[in-house]
Amino acid sequence: MSVRQTVLVIYAVLKDAIGHFARDDGFAMASHVALSCLLAMFPLLIFIASLAAFFGMTGAADTVSELIFDAWPESVAAPVAREVQNVLTVRRGDLLTFGAIAALWFSSNGVEALRTALNRAYRQTEKRWFFLLRLQSIALVLLGAGILLAYTFLVVLAPLALETLTAHTPRIETFLLSINVARYTLAGSLLIIGLFVTHWLLPAGKRSFQDLWPGVMATLVMWIVAGSAFGAYLARFANYVSTYGGLAGIMTALIFLYICALVFILGGELNAAISRQRLYQQRQKQRLALTEVPQA
């Protein structure tokens, strides 16, 4: 494929993805996803607090909230993290009570919002049973809570274990750098795996790894760029206090989640556009093969 053909294909894919996003209420879906995720965040952390208390992991929920908000711009994360800390100061051991079950249910609403957005992006009509989908969302919330608690264990206890090991075995210190690199690589890998699982399991239809990786990689790059740009904008220009008053912190977080949702949906749109372009090229090749007249 020549350079000109490559440019034309890229243009066709981007035109298809952005055009479908604009035509099929992509901005409205991003608002839905952002608000649903914000509403699901507090119940999720409450459930994790209950789960951590059940296993005797005191303070694990606080560490989980810090890990979540570390990826946010500081000016966005600070007000929400402060409110989260106020919620998590209440001692919780109600893993099997109605409150924890309700928190688990409301947390799964955020997963369902992602499912709806991806079905729109991949042009899929959901035909699966409602209760089966809800059970899948709840299972993903439970899996995510377990992974966050396991990651908390690695982040909090691993350095203490390494210091103790170094004190008794000084020669092990030369290996600490590679261990730390591996630990932080695992943290980044969790986000990538989460994106792949989300695009693979949530929407209807079947997709291969080849169908998913372009949108996932594009989502990661756009998240980094958009997060950095929004953080710089807040630090230098924005003054949401004059616009939203006491709701400035929550509104800032909601706008940040809205930007993240836009990027997330665009990743699905990009995957769908690439799949259609690939199918179009295959059909073109088949037509050319059929129109060729064999020479006598």
Foldseek 3Di string as FASTA:
>chain_A
DDPVVVVVLVVQLVCQLVVLCVVLVVLVLLLVLLVLQVQLVLLLLVLLLQVCVQVPNPPLSLVLLVLVCVLFQPLQSVVVNVVSVVVSVPRHNPNPDPSNVVSLQSNLSSLLSLLVLLCSLLVHDDDDDPVVLSVVSSVVSVVVSVVSSVLSCCVPVVVVVVVVVCVVPVVCVVCVVVVVVVSVVVVVVVLLVVLVCSNQPRYDDHDDPVLQVVLSVQLVVQLVVVRVVLSVCVVPPDDCCVVPPPCSNVVSNSVNSSSSSSSSSSSSNSSSSVVVSVVVVVVVVVVVVVPDDDDD
